[in-house]
Amino acid sequence: MEPEKLINSDAISIAKNIREGKISAVKVTQETLENIATRDRELNCFTNVTMETALLGAAKIDQQISQGQNPGLLAGVPFAVKNLFDIAGLRTLAGSKINADNLPARKNATAIAKLEQSGAILVGALNMDEYAYGFVTENYHYGTTRNPHDITCIAGGSSGGSAAAVAGGLVPISLGSDTNGSVRVPAALCGVYGFKPTYGRLSRAGVALLSSSLDHVGTFARSVEDIALMFDVLQGYDENDPVSSQIEPELCFPQIHRGMDGLRVAIALADCKSIALADCKSIALADCKSNDDNYFAQKLQPEALAAVTKVAQALNVNQYIKIPEVHRARAAAFVITATEGANLHLEKIRQRPQDFDPETRDRFIAGALIPSSWYLQAQRFRRWYRDRVREIFTQVDVILAPTTPIAAPLIGQKTMILDGEEISIRPYLGQFTQPFSFIGLPVLSVPVQLKNSLPLGVQLIAAPFNEVAILRVAAVLQKMGVVSVGRG
């Protein structure tokens, strides 16, 4: 395979070709670095490129192969990470100006270390919203990351650089973080797979946090197989992360092609007529008439609903399920994010207010003014909501929902009209993602390409630690050609 074609393929193919000696890891790394140097001038995904260490790492992989050693599952695969992951020798920016004054990180974040142990090659750090507090990656300090499918549009955020780098063919896989949708939103807008496993499943050691009780490490890729393999490499208990799960890891990659047998799938949409599916059946807590039931069909572009329709019809799903109190879940997520984020950054705001993005600063100040009783009530509601949603998963294995209410808006666009109402775009991009990350559920946003539309995403949601069910459904959809990554 020609190098320029290989670097634009999936991670598993790259690793296979390198292990078989069809191309060297150094050659793949060189081609990747050259591609970044050329294409990233337009996209602005990278804030740092780790050229020297990447080439050294690639040479080590080639040496291992020449000596008959096992270089790892991801041998020679280039990857990059959101710039809130610690990279040894670099300052961990977290999208901020203030952090640029910190000392360089002394060691890699656990997630980076695990990928490198599997043979993957780190090529750099990626742009993001300041302190991961946003959905647009229009960074005040480091510039806007552009959508590879239309450079006049946003890539989404806060992991916008991570999504755009994969969508634009700069790297086959990347790491991001997800508080309220920061992996899934840019994955949907850029047309790639974005995976947020169960809370605590992947180590956050060496990752700058926004909200300790909500933050997840997540992944981006061009195929379900790559997502599954990355997950298997990354999962496992880490004593350096206080919320790391001690549940025994379950390898997903060997199971993803088992098909749909035994899996029950339902749609988190209640406006039955809007997607014209026959024999709508409520299999949860209420009928299909209340406002709560319509939450996932309100204030969204027709294309967002059409994406869910496409997936549901391909799977022959006509079951609907109501998720209770979704509006309150989103409100409580806002309260917890704002309060915990403000608490983390308040001292910096007192000392250097002028060095913040004004919008980020104002959100943190507002969060600092939230009464403690509101925060406590939000956490109490969270426990109630978690228990109610877990009850649903006794009746269904995977739930379908839109990822975002709209396709990627224009860079700089602040508002738009949906259902006759002017809405603020930035917070509204997380309307459908927040209710699931709020209680730590595993979610995969799969890319749906519609005619005459920028990419959109559909969320596949499961019970805690049931990632394999999501990946099995996604693998079926990918095989059918219903979901796919379109190169930007």
Protein backbone atom coordinates (compact mmCIF):
# COMPACT_ATOMS: atom_id res chain seq x y z
CA MET A 1 0.00 0.00 0.00
CA GLU A 2 1.28 3.48 -0.86
CA PRO A 3 2.32 5.50 2.22
CA GLU A 4 -0.07 8.39 1.55
CA LYS A 5 -2.99 5.95 1.27
CA LEU A 6 -1.89 3.98 4.30
CA ILE A 7 -1.73 6.93 6.66
CA ASN A 8 -5.34 7.75 5.75
CA SER A 9 -6.55 4.23 6.57
CA ASP A 10 -7.66 2.81 9.91
CA ALA A 11 -5.28 2.04 12.78
CA ILE A 12 -5.61 -1.73 12.54
CA SER A 13 -4.57 -1.70 8.86
CA ILE A 14 -1.58 0.51 9.60
CA ALA A 15 -0.39 -1.74 12.43
CA LYS A 16 -0.88 -4.87 10.31
CA ASN A 17 1.16 -3.49 7.41
CA ILE A 18 3.95 -2.38 9.74
CA ARG A 19 4.09 -5.73 11.56
CA GLU A 20 4.21 -7.56 8.23
CA GLY A 21 7.08 -5.38 7.03
CA LYS A 22 5.14 -3.85 4.13
CA ILE A 23 6.05 -0.40 5.37
CA SER A 24 8.20 0.89 8.20
CA ALA A 25 6.90 2.70 11.27
CA VAL A 26 9.40 5.47 10.55
CA LYS A 27 7.98 5.94 7.05
CA VAL A 28 4.42 6.12 8.35
CA THR A 29 5.47 8.61 11.02
CA GLN A 30 7.35 10.78 8.52
CA GLU A 31 4.36 10.82 6.16
CA THR A 32 2.06 11.68 9.06
CA LEU A 33 4.25 14.58 10.19
CA GLU A 34 4.46 15.93 6.64
CA ASN A 35 0.69 15.68 6.28
CA ILE A 36 0.20 17.56 9.54
CA ALA A 37 2.63 20.28 8.47
CA THR A 38 0.68 20.79 5.24
CA ARG A 39 -2.96 20.27 6.20
CA ASP A 40 -2.99 21.69 9.71
CA ARG A 41 -2.23 25.18 8.46
CA GLU A 42 -5.87 25.19 7.35
CA LEU A 43 -7.50 23.12 10.10
CA ASN A 44 -5.56 24.29 13.20
CA CYS A 45 -5.92 21.00 15.08
CA PHE A 46 -2.46 20.87 16.67
CA THR A 47 -0.95 23.11 19.35
CA ASN A 48 2.24 21.01 19.59
CA VAL A 49 3.87 18.45 17.28
CA THR A 50 6.22 15.98 18.98
CA MET A 51 8.37 15.29 15.93
CA GLU A 52 11.61 14.13 17.56
CA THR A 53 10.10 11.74 20.09
CA ALA A 54 7.69 10.40 17.46
CA LEU A 55 10.51 9.49 15.07
CA LEU A 56 12.51 7.92 17.91
CA GLY A 57 9.49 5.87 18.95
CA ALA A 58 8.90 4.73 15.38
CA ALA A 59 12.54 3.66 15.00
CA LYS A 60 12.17 1.58 18.16
CA ILE A 61 9.13 -0.18 16.68
CA ASP A 62 11.04 -1.00 13.49
CA GLN A 63 13.94 -2.34 15.55
CA GLN A 64 11.63 -4.59 17.59
CA ILE A 65 10.12 -5.99 14.39
CA SER A 66 13.56 -6.62 12.86
CA GLN A 67 14.54 -8.55 16.00
CA GLY A 68 11.41 -10.70 15.90
CA GLN A 69 9.83 -9.05 18.97
CA ASN A 70 6.15 -8.25 19.36
CA PRO A 71 5.76 -4.47 18.87
CA GLY A 72 2.18 -4.38 20.18
CA LEU A 73 -1.38 -4.29 18.88
CA LEU A 74 -1.03 -0.70 17.64
CA ALA A 75 2.49 -1.02 16.29
CA GLY A 76 3.52 2.24 14.62
CA VAL A 77 0.03 3.78 14.62
CA PRO A 78 0.21 7.60 14.92
CA PHE A 79 -2.06 9.22 17.49
CA ALA A 80 -2.52 12.61 19.11
CA VAL A 81 -4.21 13.82 22.29
CA LYS A 82 -6.24 16.77 23.51
CA ASN A 83 -3.83 19.19 25.12
CA LEU A 84 -5.13 18.55 28.62
CA PHE A 85 -3.30 15.18 28.72
CA ASP A 86 0.15 15.36 30.32
CA ILE A 87 2.91 14.79 27.74
CA ALA A 88 6.39 14.42 29.22
CA GLY A 89 8.45 17.50 28.41
CA LEU A 90 5.50 19.67 27.32
CA ARG A 91 3.39 22.14 29.26
CA THR A 92 -0.14 20.86 29.70
CA LEU A 93 -2.10 23.78 28.26
CA ALA A 94 -5.69 22.65 28.75
CA GLY A 95 -6.48 25.28 26.10
CA SER A 96 -5.42 28.13 28.38
CA LYS A 97 -2.90 30.96 28.35
CA ILE A 98 -2.29 30.66 32.07
CA ASN A 99 -1.15 27.04 31.95
CA ALA A 100 1.50 27.96 29.38
CA ASP A 101 3.48 29.33 32.35
CA ASN A 102 3.48 25.98 34.17
CA LEU A 103 6.46 23.65 34.28
CA PRO A 104 6.52 20.89 31.65
CA ALA A 105 4.89 17.61 32.60
CA ARG A 106 7.32 15.09 34.10
CA LYS A 107 5.63 12.00 32.67
CA ASN A 108 2.89 10.99 30.28
CA ALA A 109 -0.73 10.59 31.30
CA THR A 110 -1.69 6.96 31.92
CA ALA A 111 -3.78 6.80 28.74
CA ILE A 112 -0.82 7.94 26.63
CA ALA A 113 1.48 5.48 28.36
CA LYS A 114 -0.90 2.59 27.64
CA LEU A 115 -1.18 3.46 23.95
CA GLU A 116 2.60 3.74 23.66
CA GLN A 117 3.03 0.40 25.42
CA SER A 118 0.86 -1.08 22.67
CA GLY A 119 3.21 0.38 20.04
CA ALA A 120 1.31 3.55 19.09
CA ILE A 121 3.32 6.71 18.27
CA LEU A 122 2.37 10.04 19.83
CA VAL A 123 2.70 12.85 17.28
CA GLY A 124 1.32 15.82 19.19
CA ALA A 125 -1.19 17.72 21.30
CA LEU A 126 -4.51 19.01 19.99
CA ASN A 127 -6.53 22.20 20.29
CA MET A 128 -9.57 22.47 22.57
CA ASP A 129 -11.89 24.91 24.32
CA GLU A 130 -10.22 26.69 27.22
CA TYR A 131 -10.25 24.41 30.27
CA ALA A 132 -12.60 22.10 28.32
CA TYR A 133 -15.50 24.47 29.03
CA GLY A 134 -17.27 24.71 25.69
CA PHE A 135 -18.64 22.94 22.65
CA VAL A 136 -16.99 24.86 19.78
CA THR A 137 -13.15 24.93 19.98
CA GLU A 138 -13.06 28.58 18.99
CA ASN A 139 -10.11 29.03 21.30
CA TYR A 140 -9.45 32.60 22.42
CA HIS A 141 -5.68 31.98 22.73
CA TYR A 142 -4.81 29.33 20.13
CA GLY A 143 -7.34 29.98 17.41
CA THR A 144 -10.33 28.13 16.00
CA THR A 145 -10.18 24.52 14.87
CA ARG A 146 -12.02 24.22 11.56
CA ASN A 147 -14.29 21.43 10.42
CA PRO A 148 -12.56 19.34 7.72
CA HIS A 149 -15.87 18.93 5.86
CA ASP A 150 -16.37 22.71 5.61
CA ILE A 151 -13.67 25.00 6.98
CA THR A 152 -16.17 27.82 7.46
CA CYS A 153 -17.84 25.70 10.17
CA ILE A 154 -16.83 24.72 13.69
CA ALA A 155 -15.41 21.33 14.58
CA GLY A 156 -17.33 21.24 17.87
CA GLY A 157 -15.77 20.86 21.27
CA SER A 158 -14.33 20.82 23.67
CA SER A 159 -12.29 18.05 22.01
CA GLY A 160 -12.53 19.76 18.61
CA GLY A 161 -8.89 19.27 17.65
CA SER A 162 -9.14 15.56 18.45
CA ALA A 163 -12.18 15.04 16.23
CA ALA A 164 -10.99 17.23 13.35
CA ALA A 165 -7.54 15.59 13.29
CA VAL A 166 -9.16 12.19 12.72
CA ALA A 167 -11.78 13.49 10.29
CA GLY A 168 -9.15 15.38 8.31
CA GLY A 169 -6.87 12.36 7.97
CA LEU A 170 -4.05 13.78 10.11
CA VAL A 171 -4.11 10.82 12.52
CA PRO A 172 -6.22 7.64 12.53
CA ILE A 173 -6.99 7.76 16.27
CA SER A 174 -6.94 10.35 19.04
CA LEU A 175 -7.81 10.94 22.68
CA GLY A 176 -10.19 13.50 24.14
CA SER A 177 -12.22 14.09 27.28
CA ASP A 178 -15.96 14.27 27.81
CA THR A 179 -17.75 16.13 30.62
CA ASN A 180 -21.12 16.91 29.07
CA GLY A 181 -20.53 15.79 25.49
CA SER A 182 -17.05 17.02 24.65
CA VAL A 183 -16.17 13.82 22.75
CA ARG A 184 -19.56 13.07 21.22
CA VAL A 185 -20.42 16.58 19.98
CA PRO A 186 -17.25 17.11 17.88
CA ALA A 187 -17.36 13.49 16.71
CA ALA A 188 -20.87 14.08 15.35
CA LEU A 189 -20.07 17.42 13.74
CA CYS A 190 -16.86 16.08 12.14
CA GLY A 191 -18.34 12.75 11.07
CA VAL A 192 -16.19 10.29 13.03
CA TYR A 193 -16.72 7.76 15.82
CA GLY A 194 -16.53 9.26 19.31
CA PHE A 195 -16.59 6.93 22.33
CA LYS A 196 -17.17 7.80 25.99
CA PRO A 197 -16.95 4.62 28.07
CA THR A 198 -18.46 4.21 31.54
CA TYR A 199 -17.31 6.73 34.17
CA GLY A 200 -14.11 5.44 35.75
CA ARG A 201 -13.48 2.84 33.04
CA LEU A 202 -10.49 4.69 31.53
CA SER A 203 -7.86 6.31 33.72
CA ARG A 204 -7.85 10.09 34.12
CA ALA A 205 -4.42 10.15 35.79
CA GLY A 206 -2.40 12.93 34.20
CA VAL A 207 -5.48 14.64 32.73
CA ALA A 208 -6.44 18.22 33.63
CA LEU A 209 -10.04 18.12 34.86
CA LEU A 210 -12.97 20.47 34.48
CA SER A 211 -15.48 18.65 36.68
CA SER A 212 -14.16 15.79 38.77
CA SER A 213 -17.48 14.00 39.17
CA LEU A 214 -18.36 14.21 35.46
CA ASP A 215 -15.13 13.96 33.44
CA HIS A 216 -14.39 10.92 31.28
CA VAL A 217 -11.49 10.02 28.98
CA GLY A 218 -12.76 9.24 25.48
CA THR A 219 -11.53 8.18 22.05
CA PHE A 220 -11.95 9.05 18.36
CA ALA A 221 -11.43 6.79 15.35
CA ARG A 222 -12.52 6.03 11.79
CA SER A 223 -13.88 2.54 12.46
CA VAL A 224 -15.69 0.54 15.13
CA GLU A 225 -12.81 -1.93 15.16
CA ASP A 226 -10.33 0.83 16.03
CA ILE A 227 -12.61 2.12 18.79
CA ALA A 228 -12.91 -1.37 20.27
CA LEU A 229 -9.17 -2.07 20.09
CA MET A 230 -8.29 1.28 21.68
CA PHE A 231 -10.77 0.60 24.46
CA ASP A 232 -9.24 -2.79 25.19
CA VAL A 233 -5.75 -1.27 25.30
CA LEU A 234 -6.81 1.62 27.56
CA GLN A 235 -9.12 -0.01 30.09
CA GLY A 236 -8.01 -1.36 33.46
CA TYR A 237 -7.67 -0.19 37.06
CA ASP A 238 -5.19 2.61 37.78
CA GLU A 239 -4.27 3.33 41.40
CA ASN A 240 -3.27 6.87 40.39
CA ASP A 241 -6.87 7.74 39.48
CA PRO A 242 -9.12 7.90 42.57
CA VAL A 243 -12.26 7.13 40.55
CA SER A 244 -10.74 4.31 38.49
CA SER A 245 -13.04 1.32 38.38
CA GLN A 246 -11.82 -1.96 39.85
CA ILE A 247 -14.34 -3.98 37.84
CA GLU A 248 -12.51 -6.61 35.81
CA PRO A 249 -11.96 -5.39 32.22
CA GLU A 250 -13.95 -7.13 29.50
CA LEU A 251 -12.20 -7.38 26.15
CA CYS A 252 -14.58 -6.02 23.51
CA PHE A 253 -12.64 -6.38 20.28
CA PRO A 254 -13.13 -10.18 20.02
CA GLN A 255 -16.90 -9.74 20.53
CA ILE A 256 -17.91 -6.85 18.30
CA HIS A 257 -18.89 -8.98 15.29
CA ARG A 258 -21.32 -11.20 17.19
CA GLY A 259 -24.26 -9.41 15.59
CA MET A 260 -27.52 -8.28 17.16
CA ASP A 261 -28.75 -11.59 18.56
CA GLY A 262 -30.18 -11.10 22.04
CA LEU A 263 -29.82 -7.30 22.01
CA ARG A 264 -32.88 -5.16 22.67
CA VAL A 265 -32.74 -1.70 21.13
CA ALA A 266 -35.13 1.24 21.69
CA ILE A 267 -35.37 4.86 20.59
CA ALA A 268 -35.23 7.80 23.00
CA LEU A 269 -37.73 9.70 20.85
CA ALA A 270 -41.42 9.91 21.64
CA ASP A 271 -42.86 11.87 18.72
CA CYS A 272 -43.84 8.72 16.85
CA LYS A 273 -45.24 10.48 13.79
CA SER A 274 -42.11 12.51 13.23
CA ILE A 275 -40.11 9.52 12.06
CA ALA A 276 -42.99 7.52 10.63
CA LEU A 277 -42.22 4.19 12.26
CA ALA A 278 -45.14 1.81 12.58
CA ASP A 279 -46.49 0.23 15.75
CA CYS A 280 -44.84 2.54 18.23
CA LYS A 281 -44.74 0.81 21.61
CA SER A 282 -43.90 2.42 24.91
CA ILE A 283 -41.78 0.01 26.86
CA ALA A 284 -40.98 2.20 29.83
CA LEU A 285 -42.64 4.62 32.17
CA ALA A 286 -45.29 6.49 30.20
CA ASP A 287 -47.07 6.90 26.90
CA CYS A 288 -45.81 9.02 23.98
CA LYS A 289 -47.69 12.24 24.69
CA SER A 290 -46.06 14.28 27.46
CA ASN A 291 -43.52 17.04 26.87
CA ASP A 292 -40.81 15.00 28.57
CA ASP A 293 -41.35 12.24 26.06
CA ASN A 294 -40.71 14.68 23.23
CA TYR A 295 -37.39 15.92 24.61
CA PHE A 296 -35.28 14.16 21.98
CA ALA A 297 -37.47 15.44 19.14
CA GLN A 298 -37.64 19.10 20.17
CA LYS A 299 -35.69 22.04 18.78
CA LEU A 300 -33.55 20.18 16.30
CA GLN A 301 -32.96 20.29 12.59
CA PRO A 302 -34.91 17.75 10.52
CA GLU A 303 -31.60 16.19 9.48
CA ALA A 304 -30.79 15.31 13.10
CA LEU A 305 -34.05 13.40 13.35
CA ALA A 306 -33.44 11.84 9.94
CA ALA A 307 -30.10 10.48 11.16
CA VAL A 308 -31.84 8.62 13.99
CA THR A 309 -34.51 7.44 11.58
CA LYS A 310 -31.89 6.01 9.24
CA VAL A 311 -30.25 4.04 12.03
CA ALA A 312 -33.55 2.86 13.57
CA GLN A 313 -34.96 1.67 10.28
CA ALA A 314 -31.76 -0.18 9.38
CA LEU A 315 -31.97 -2.06 12.68
CA ASN A 316 -35.72 -2.56 12.33
CA VAL A 317 -36.27 -0.83 15.66
CA ASN A 318 -39.77 0.43 16.44
CA GLN A 319 -39.62 0.43 20.22
CA TYR A 320 -39.67 3.76 22.06
CA ILE A 321 -38.61 4.43 25.60
CA LYS A 322 -39.11 7.37 27.90
CA ILE A 323 -36.19 8.57 29.97
CA PRO A 324 -37.71 10.44 32.92
CA GLU A 325 -36.85 13.99 33.98
CA VAL A 326 -34.34 14.62 31.20
CA HIS A 327 -34.76 18.40 31.43
CA ARG A 328 -33.84 18.33 35.11
CA ALA A 329 -30.90 16.05 34.42
CA ARG A 330 -29.48 18.58 31.99
CA ALA A 331 -30.08 21.44 34.44
CA ALA A 332 -28.40 19.53 37.25
CA ALA A 333 -25.44 18.76 34.97
CA PHE A 334 -25.04 22.50 34.31
CA VAL A 335 -25.05 23.23 38.05
CA ILE A 336 -22.48 20.55 38.89
CA THR A 337 -20.18 21.47 35.99
CA ALA A 338 -20.26 25.18 36.78
CA THR A 339 -19.75 24.69 40.51
CA GLU A 340 -16.91 22.17 40.29
CA GLY A 341 -15.21 24.05 37.44
CA ALA A 342 -15.40 27.35 39.31
CA ASN A 343 -14.02 25.78 42.47
CA LEU A 344 -11.04 24.44 40.52
CA HIS A 345 -10.18 27.72 38.80
CA LEU A 346 -11.36 30.44 41.21
CA GLU A 347 -7.89 31.29 42.49
CA LYS A 348 -6.65 31.79 38.92
CA ILE A 349 -9.60 34.09 38.22
CA ARG A 350 -8.72 36.20 41.27
CA GLN A 351 -5.06 36.43 40.27
CA ARG A 352 -5.19 36.67 36.45
CA PRO A 353 -8.71 37.48 35.25
CA GLN A 354 -7.38 39.22 32.14
CA ASP A 355 -5.71 36.02 30.91
CA PHE A 356 -8.95 34.05 30.56
CA ASP A 357 -11.21 33.85 27.56
CA PRO A 358 -13.88 36.36 28.74
CA GLU A 359 -16.70 33.87 28.12
CA THR A 360 -14.97 31.12 30.10
CA ARG A 361 -14.15 33.51 32.91
CA ASP A 362 -17.73 34.71 33.15
CA ARG A 363 -19.07 31.14 33.29
CA PHE A 364 -16.66 30.28 36.09
CA ILE A 365 -17.62 33.42 38.02
CA ALA A 366 -21.29 32.54 37.63
CA GLY A 367 -20.52 29.02 38.86
CA ALA A 368 -18.77 30.41 41.94
CA LEU A 369 -21.98 32.26 42.85
CA ILE A 370 -24.19 29.15 42.80
CA PRO A 371 -25.45 28.41 46.34
CA SER A 372 -24.08 25.23 47.88
CA SER A 373 -27.65 24.05 48.47
CA TRP A 374 -28.19 23.99 44.67
CA TYR A 375 -25.11 21.86 44.18
CA LEU A 376 -26.16 19.42 46.91
CA GLN A 377 -29.65 19.19 45.48
CA ALA A 378 -28.24 18.55 42.00
CA GLN A 379 -26.18 15.67 43.39
CA ARG A 380 -29.19 14.25 45.24
CA PHE A 381 -31.24 14.40 42.05
CA ARG A 382 -28.38 12.77 40.19
CA ARG A 383 -28.57 9.70 42.43
CA TRP A 384 -32.35 9.46 41.92
CA TYR A 385 -32.03 9.88 38.15
CA ARG A 386 -29.24 7.29 37.91
CA ASP A 387 -31.40 4.70 39.65
CA ARG A 388 -34.42 5.42 37.41
CA VAL A 389 -32.38 5.15 34.21
CA ARG A 390 -30.73 1.94 35.35
CA GLU A 391 -34.22 0.46 35.76
CA ILE A 392 -34.79 1.12 32.05
CA PHE A 393 -31.84 -1.09 31.20
CA THR A 394 -33.62 -4.07 32.68
CA GLN A 395 -35.94 -3.78 29.64
CA VAL A 396 -33.56 -2.64 26.91
CA ASP A 397 -29.85 -3.02 26.14
CA VAL A 398 -29.12 -0.08 23.83
CA ILE A 399 -30.92 3.26 23.39
CA LEU A 400 -30.72 5.42 20.25
CA ALA A 401 -30.76 9.22 20.44
CA PRO A 402 -29.47 12.16 18.38
CA THR A 403 -25.98 13.33 19.29
CA THR A 404 -26.49 17.01 18.44
CA PRO A 405 -29.62 18.97 17.50
CA ILE A 406 -27.90 20.50 14.47
CA ALA A 407 -25.06 19.93 12.02
CA ALA A 408 -21.95 22.08 12.39
CA PRO A 409 -22.81 25.81 12.50
CA LEU A 410 -20.63 28.55 11.07
CA ILE A 411 -17.56 29.72 12.95
CA GLY A 412 -18.55 32.69 15.07
CA GLN A 413 -22.27 31.99 14.82
CA LYS A 414 -23.87 32.66 18.21
CA THR A 415 -27.57 31.88 17.72
CA MET A 416 -30.00 30.17 15.38
CA ILE A 417 -33.75 29.66 15.06
CA LEU A 418 -35.14 26.23 15.92
CA ASP A 419 -38.87 25.55 16.20
CA GLY A 420 -39.48 29.30 15.96
CA GLU A 421 -37.26 30.10 18.92
CA GLU A 422 -33.86 31.80 18.92
CA ILE A 423 -31.38 29.63 20.80
CA SER A 424 -27.79 30.13 21.89
CA ILE A 425 -25.71 27.60 19.98
CA ARG A 426 -22.84 26.97 22.40
CA PRO A 427 -24.77 25.46 25.32
CA TYR A 428 -27.44 23.92 23.11
CA LEU A 429 -25.01 21.63 21.31
CA GLY A 430 -24.97 19.48 24.46
CA GLN A 431 -28.74 19.18 24.78
CA PHE A 432 -28.81 15.46 23.94
CA THR A 433 -25.43 14.42 25.36
CA GLN A 434 -25.60 15.83 28.89
CA PRO A 435 -28.39 13.57 30.24
CA PHE A 436 -26.20 10.48 29.65
CA SER A 437 -22.74 11.62 30.75
CA PHE A 438 -24.45 13.09 33.83
CA ILE A 439 -24.75 9.55 35.22
CA GLY A 440 -21.63 8.09 33.62
CA LEU A 441 -23.24 5.85 31.01
CA PRO A 442 -21.15 4.44 28.14
CA VAL A 443 -22.02 6.12 24.84
CA LEU A 444 -20.74 5.88 21.28
CA SER A 445 -21.59 8.56 18.72
CA VAL A 446 -21.67 6.93 15.29
CA PRO A 447 -21.28 9.07 12.13
CA VAL A 448 -24.22 9.35 9.73
CA GLN A 449 -23.71 10.88 6.31
CA LEU A 450 -26.90 12.34 4.78
CA LYS A 451 -27.29 13.75 1.30
CA ASN A 452 -26.90 17.56 1.14
CA SER A 453 -25.93 17.79 4.81
CA LEU A 454 -22.80 18.04 6.87
CA PRO A 455 -22.21 14.95 9.05
CA LEU A 456 -24.40 14.18 12.04
CA GLY A 457 -24.19 11.65 14.82
CA VAL A 458 -26.45 9.15 16.56
CA GLN A 459 -25.75 8.10 20.13
CA LEU A 460 -25.77 4.44 21.14
CA ILE A 461 -26.25 4.32 24.91
CA ALA A 462 -26.02 1.33 27.28
CA ALA A 463 -26.00 0.47 30.97
CA PRO A 464 -22.78 1.01 32.93
CA PHE A 465 -19.98 -1.38 31.90
CA ASN A 466 -21.96 -2.75 28.94
CA GLU A 467 -19.71 -1.21 26.30
CA VAL A 468 -19.71 -4.42 24.30
CA ALA A 469 -23.43 -4.09 23.51
CA ILE A 470 -22.85 -0.64 22.01
CA LEU A 471 -19.92 -1.83 19.92
CA ARG A 472 -21.84 -4.84 18.62
CA VAL A 473 -24.68 -2.61 17.39
CA ALA A 474 -22.20 -0.15 15.87
CA ALA A 475 -20.38 -2.97 14.06
CA VAL A 476 -23.66 -4.12 12.49
CA LEU A 477 -24.45 -0.57 11.35
CA GLN A 478 -20.96 -0.16 9.91
CA LYS A 479 -21.16 -3.46 8.03
CA MET A 480 -24.49 -2.38 6.55
CA GLY A 481 -22.99 0.94 5.45
CA VAL A 482 -25.53 2.88 7.51
CA VAL A 483 -22.78 4.63 9.45
CA SER A 484 -19.44 5.59 7.96
CA VAL A 485 -16.64 8.11 8.16
CA GLY A 486 -16.43 10.55 5.26
CA ARG A 487 -12.99 12.10 4.79
CA GLY A 488 -13.07 15.85 5.25
